[in-house]
Amino acid sequence: MGEHKGAITLSLVVLLLFGVFVAFATGVIDPLMDKIGVAFSKLVDNVFAGSGMPK
């Protein structure tokens, strides 16, 4: 069983990388990153607006 653990792990890594490549190629990641960027900007603005710092 020990000699198969490496092969199984390598197979899982290859499948994960393939999934990431497919996600980037089909355009799934870009809108998601845009949403995360907008939400993060709002979060930062809200934090600094509450601390009394000028905009």
PDB file of N, CA and C in Angstrom:
ATOM      1  N   MET A   1       0.831  -1.206   0.000  1.00  0.00           N
ATOM      2  CA  MET A   1       0.000   0.000   0.000  1.00  0.00           C
ATOM      3  C   MET A   1       0.865   1.256   0.000  1.00  0.00           C
ATOM      4  N   GLY A   2       2.047   1.159   0.624  1.00  0.00           N
ATOM      5  CA  GLY A   2       2.919   2.327   0.711  1.00  0.00           C
ATOM      6  C   GLY A   2       3.357   2.843  -0.649  1.00  0.00           C
ATOM      7  N   GLU A   3       3.613   1.941  -1.575  1.00  0.00           N
ATOM      8  CA  GLU A   3       4.059   2.377  -2.900  1.00  0.00           C
ATOM      9  C   GLU A   3       2.929   3.005  -3.710  1.00  0.00           C
ATOM     10  N   HIS A   4       1.691   2.756  -3.309  1.00  0.00           N
ATOM     11  CA  HIS A   4       0.561   3.340  -4.037  1.00  0.00           C
ATOM     12  C   HIS A   4       0.187   4.727  -3.516  1.00  0.00           C
ATOM     13  N   LYS A   5       0.629   5.075  -2.316  1.00  0.00           N
ATOM     14  CA  LYS A   5       0.271   6.392  -1.763  1.00  0.00           C
ATOM     15  C   LYS A   5       0.823   7.527  -2.612  1.00  0.00           C
ATOM     16  N   GLY A   6       2.047   7.372  -3.083  1.00  0.00           N
ATOM     17  CA  GLY A   6       2.642   8.409  -3.932  1.00  0.00           C
ATOM     18  C   GLY A   6       1.898   8.567  -5.238  1.00  0.00           C
ATOM     19  N   ALA A   7       1.503   7.457  -5.821  1.00  0.00           N
ATOM     20  CA  ALA A   7       0.778   7.520  -7.089  1.00  0.00           C
ATOM     21  C   ALA A   7      -0.602   8.149  -6.905  1.00  0.00           C
ATOM     22  N   ILE A   8      -1.259   7.804  -5.826  1.00  0.00           N
ATOM     23  CA  ILE A   8      -2.579   8.383  -5.547  1.00  0.00           C
ATOM     24  C   ILE A   8      -2.455   9.880  -5.292  1.00  0.00           C
ATOM     25  N   THR A   9      -1.456  10.275  -4.517  1.00  0.00           N
ATOM     26  CA  THR A   9      -1.249  11.700  -4.231  1.00  0.00           C
ATOM     27  C   THR A   9      -0.934  12.462  -5.509  1.00  0.00           C
ATOM     28  N   LEU A  10      -0.069  11.919  -6.334  1.00  0.00           N
ATOM     29  CA  LEU A  10       0.270  12.570  -7.597  1.00  0.00           C
ATOM     30  C   LEU A  10      -0.947  12.685  -8.509  1.00  0.00           C
ATOM     31  N   SER A  11      -1.779  11.671  -8.538  1.00  0.00           N
ATOM     32  CA  SER A  11      -3.003  11.725  -9.342  1.00  0.00           C
ATOM     33  C   SER A  11      -3.946  12.817  -8.852  1.00  0.00           C
ATOM     34  N   LEU A  12      -4.082  12.942  -7.556  1.00  0.00           N
ATOM     35  CA  LEU A  12      -4.949  13.990  -7.000  1.00  0.00           C
ATOM     36  C   LEU A  12      -4.411  15.380  -7.315  1.00  0.00           C
ATOM     37  N   VAL A  13      -3.110  15.561  -7.234  1.00  0.00           N
ATOM     38  CA  VAL A  13      -2.511  16.859  -7.552  1.00  0.00           C
ATOM     39  C   VAL A  13      -2.727  17.199  -9.022  1.00  0.00           C
ATOM     40  N   VAL A  14      -2.550  16.230  -9.895  1.00  0.00           N
ATOM     41  CA  VAL A  14      -2.757  16.467 -11.330  1.00  0.00           C
ATOM     42  C   VAL A  14      -4.214  16.827 -11.607  1.00  0.00           C
ATOM     43  N   LEU A  15      -5.145  16.123 -10.990  1.00  0.00           N
ATOM     44  CA  LEU A  15      -6.566  16.449 -11.185  1.00  0.00           C
ATOM     45  C   LEU A  15      -6.902  17.838 -10.659  1.00  0.00           C
ATOM     46  N   LEU A  16      -6.328  18.216  -9.528  1.00  0.00           N
ATOM     47  CA  LEU A  16      -6.561  19.548  -8.963  1.00  0.00           C
ATOM     48  C   LEU A  16      -6.019  20.627  -9.884  1.00  0.00           C
ATOM     49  N   LEU A  17      -4.808  20.439 -10.387  1.00  0.00           N
ATOM     50  CA  LEU A  17      -4.237  21.424 -11.315  1.00  0.00           C
ATOM     51  C   LEU A  17      -5.054  21.510 -12.603  1.00  0.00           C
ATOM     52  N   PHE A  18      -5.507  20.374 -13.102  1.00  0.00           N
ATOM     53  CA  PHE A  18      -6.348  20.383 -14.301  1.00  0.00           C
ATOM     54  C   PHE A  18      -7.635  21.160 -14.051  1.00  0.00           C
ATOM     55  N   GLY A  19      -8.230  20.966 -12.890  1.00  0.00           N
ATOM     56  CA  GLY A  19      -9.442  21.709 -12.542  1.00  0.00           C
ATOM     57  C   GLY A  19      -9.205  23.207 -12.477  1.00  0.00           C
ATOM     58  N   VAL A  20      -8.069  23.602 -11.923  1.00  0.00           N
ATOM     59  CA  VAL A  20      -7.733  25.036 -11.849  1.00  0.00           C
ATOM     60  C   VAL A  20      -7.550  25.601 -13.254  1.00  0.00           C
ATOM     61  N   PHE A  21      -6.844  24.864 -14.105  1.00  0.00           N
ATOM     62  CA  PHE A  21      -6.656  25.339 -15.477  1.00  0.00           C
ATOM     63  C   PHE A  21      -7.981  25.461 -16.215  1.00  0.00           C
ATOM     64  N   VAL A  22      -8.862  24.519 -16.038  1.00  0.00           N
ATOM     65  CA  VAL A  22     -10.178  24.569 -16.686  1.00  0.00           C
ATOM     66  C   VAL A  22     -10.980  25.757 -16.158  1.00  0.00           C
ATOM     67  N   ALA A  23     -10.902  26.009 -14.855  1.00  0.00           N
ATOM     68  CA  ALA A  23     -11.633  27.142 -14.273  1.00  0.00           C
ATOM     69  C   ALA A  23     -11.135  28.468 -14.845  1.00  0.00           C
ATOM     70  N   PHE A  24      -9.829  28.611 -15.006  1.00  0.00           N
ATOM     71  CA  PHE A  24      -9.306  29.841 -15.606  1.00  0.00           C
ATOM     72  C   PHE A  24      -9.670  29.931 -17.080  1.00  0.00           C
ATOM     73  N   ALA A  25      -9.630  28.823 -17.798  1.00  0.00           N
ATOM     74  CA  ALA A  25      -9.887  28.836 -19.240  1.00  0.00           C
ATOM     75  C   ALA A  25     -11.349  29.134 -19.555  1.00  0.00           C
ATOM     76  N   THR A  26     -12.268  28.715 -18.703  1.00  0.00           N
ATOM     77  CA  THR A  26     -13.683  28.925 -18.995  1.00  0.00           C
ATOM     78  C   THR A  26     -14.184  30.273 -18.496  1.00  0.00           C
ATOM     79  N   GLY A  27     -13.358  31.030 -17.813  1.00  0.00           N
ATOM     80  CA  GLY A  27     -13.759  32.353 -17.348  1.00  0.00           C
ATOM     81  C   GLY A  27     -14.540  32.349 -16.057  1.00  0.00           C
ATOM     82  N   VAL A  28     -14.412  31.317 -15.264  1.00  0.00           N
ATOM     83  CA  VAL A  28     -15.122  31.236 -13.989  1.00  0.00           C
ATOM     84  C   VAL A  28     -14.424  32.082 -12.932  1.00  0.00           C
ATOM     85  N   ILE A  29     -13.114  32.145 -12.990  1.00  0.00           N
ATOM     86  CA  ILE A  29     -12.329  32.782 -11.930  1.00  0.00           C
ATOM     87  C   ILE A  29     -12.402  34.309 -11.988  1.00  0.00           C
ATOM     88  N   ASP A  30     -12.375  34.900 -13.188  1.00  0.00           N
ATOM     89  CA  ASP A  30     -12.313  36.358 -13.304  1.00  0.00           C
ATOM     90  C   ASP A  30     -13.505  37.070 -12.650  1.00  0.00           C
ATOM     91  N   PRO A  31     -14.761  36.680 -12.914  1.00  0.00           N
ATOM     92  CA  PRO A  31     -15.867  37.356 -12.226  1.00  0.00           C
ATOM     93  C   PRO A  31     -15.823  37.141 -10.707  1.00  0.00           C
ATOM     94  N   LEU A  32     -15.381  35.973 -10.303  1.00  0.00           N
ATOM     95  CA  LEU A  32     -15.274  35.689  -8.874  1.00  0.00           C
ATOM     96  C   LEU A  32     -14.242  36.605  -8.222  1.00  0.00           C
ATOM     97  N   MET A  33     -13.108  36.795  -8.885  1.00  0.00           N
ATOM     98  CA  MET A  33     -12.068  37.678  -8.346  1.00  0.00           C
ATOM     99  C   MET A  33     -12.548  39.131  -8.313  1.00  0.00           C
ATOM    100  N   ASP A  34     -13.337  39.532  -9.311  1.00  0.00           N
ATOM    101  CA  ASP A  34     -13.895  40.887  -9.309  1.00  0.00           C
ATOM    102  C   ASP A  34     -14.829  41.089  -8.119  1.00  0.00           C
ATOM    103  N   LYS A  35     -15.684  40.109  -7.844  1.00  0.00           N
ATOM    104  CA  LYS A  35     -16.597  40.204  -6.702  1.00  0.00           C
ATOM    105  C   LYS A  35     -15.825  40.277  -5.381  1.00  0.00           C
ATOM    106  N   ILE A  36     -14.800  39.457  -5.266  1.00  0.00           N
ATOM    107  CA  ILE A  36     -13.994  39.461  -4.045  1.00  0.00           C
ATOM    108  C   ILE A  36     -13.288  40.801  -3.887  1.00  0.00           C
ATOM    109  N   GLY A  37     -12.786  41.360  -4.996  1.00  0.00           N
ATOM    110  CA  GLY A  37     -12.094  42.649  -4.942  1.00  0.00           C
ATOM    111  C   GLY A  37     -13.018  43.774  -4.509  1.00  0.00           C
ATOM    112  N   VAL A  38     -14.236  43.799  -5.032  1.00  0.00           N
ATOM    113  CA  VAL A  38     -15.201  44.845  -4.660  1.00  0.00           C
ATOM    114  C   VAL A  38     -15.585  44.716  -3.191  1.00  0.00           C
ATOM    115  N   ALA A  39     -15.833  43.488  -2.750  1.00  0.00           N
ATOM    116  CA  ALA A  39     -16.210  43.277  -1.352  1.00  0.00           C
ATOM    117  C   ALA A  39     -15.064  43.638  -0.414  1.00  0.00           C
ATOM    118  N   PHE A  40     -13.836  43.318  -0.801  1.00  0.00           N
ATOM    119  CA  PHE A  40     -12.686  43.652   0.038  1.00  0.00           C
ATOM    120  C   PHE A  40     -12.492  45.163   0.115  1.00  0.00           C
ATOM    121  N   SER A  41     -12.706  45.859  -0.997  1.00  0.00           N
ATOM    122  CA  SER A  41     -12.599  47.321  -0.993  1.00  0.00           C
ATOM    123  C   SER A  41     -13.639  47.939  -0.065  1.00  0.00           C
ATOM    124  N   LYS A  42     -14.873  47.421  -0.112  1.00  0.00           N
ATOM    125  CA  LYS A  42     -15.917  47.913   0.788  1.00  0.00           C
ATOM    126  C   LYS A  42     -15.540  47.670   2.236  1.00  0.00           C
ATOM    127  N   LEU A  43     -14.998  46.494   2.525  1.00  0.00           N
ATOM    128  CA  LEU A  43     -14.597  46.152   3.881  1.00  0.00           C
ATOM    129  C   LEU A  43     -13.537  47.119   4.380  1.00  0.00           C
ATOM    130  N   VAL A  44     -12.535  47.377   3.570  1.00  0.00           N
ATOM    131  CA  VAL A  44     -11.461  48.289   3.966  1.00  0.00           C
ATOM    132  C   VAL A  44     -12.008  49.699   4.150  1.00  0.00           C
ATOM    133  N   ASP A  45     -12.872  50.145   3.251  1.00  0.00           N
ATOM    134  CA  ASP A  45     -13.463  51.477   3.385  1.00  0.00           C
ATOM    135  C   ASP A  45     -14.272  51.593   4.670  1.00  0.00           C
ATOM    136  N   ASN A  46     -15.041  50.560   5.000  1.00  0.00           N
ATOM    137  CA  ASN A  46     -15.838  50.586   6.223  1.00  0.00           C
ATOM    138  C   ASN A  46     -14.961  50.594   7.473  1.00  0.00           C
ATOM    139  N   VAL A  47     -13.883  49.857   7.449  1.00  0.00           N
ATOM    140  CA  VAL A  47     -12.993  49.818   8.614  1.00  0.00           C
ATOM    141  C   VAL A  47     -12.356  51.173   8.836  1.00  0.00           C
ATOM    142  N   PHE A  48     -11.852  51.797   7.763  1.00  0.00           N
ATOM    143  CA  PHE A  48     -11.184  53.077   7.930  1.00  0.00           C
ATOM    144  C   PHE A  48     -12.175  54.222   8.133  1.00  0.00           C
ATOM    145  N   ALA A  49     -13.396  54.077   7.649  1.00  0.00           N
ATOM    146  CA  ALA A  49     -14.405  55.108   7.884  1.00  0.00           C
ATOM    147  C   ALA A  49     -14.806  55.110   9.363  1.00  0.00           C
ATOM    148  N   GLY A  50     -14.798  53.959   9.999  1.00  0.00           N
ATOM    149  CA  GLY A  50     -15.161  53.871  11.402  1.00  0.00           C
ATOM    150  C   GLY A  50     -14.058  54.286  12.345  1.00  0.00           C
ATOM    151  N   SER A  51     -12.818  54.370  11.836  1.00  0.00           N
ATOM    152  CA  SER A  51     -11.701  54.711  12.724  1.00  0.00           C
ATOM    153  C   SER A  51     -11.460  56.204  12.799  1.00  0.00           C
ATOM    154  N   GLY A  52     -12.200  57.008  12.055  1.00  0.00           N
ATOM    155  CA  GLY A  52     -12.062  58.461  12.111  1.00  0.00           C
ATOM    156  C   GLY A  52     -10.985  58.998  11.205  1.00  0.00           C
ATOM    157  N   MET A  53     -10.422  58.184  10.361  1.00  0.00           N
ATOM    158  CA  MET A  53      -9.393  58.645   9.433  1.00  0.00           C
ATOM    159  C   MET A  53     -10.057  59.351   8.256  1.00  0.00           C
ATOM    160  N   PRO A  54      -9.454  60.429   7.741  1.00  0.00           N
ATOM    161  CA  PRO A  54     -10.061  61.120   6.598  1.00  0.00           C
ATOM    162  C   PRO A  54      -9.947  60.269   5.337  1.00  0.00           C
ATOM    163  N   LYS A  55     -10.910  60.448   4.423  1.00  0.00           N
ATOM    164  CA  LYS A  55     -10.911  59.671   3.177  1.00  0.00           C
ATOM    165  C   LYS A  55      -9.971  60.256   2.172  1.00  0.00           C
TER     166      LYS A  55
END
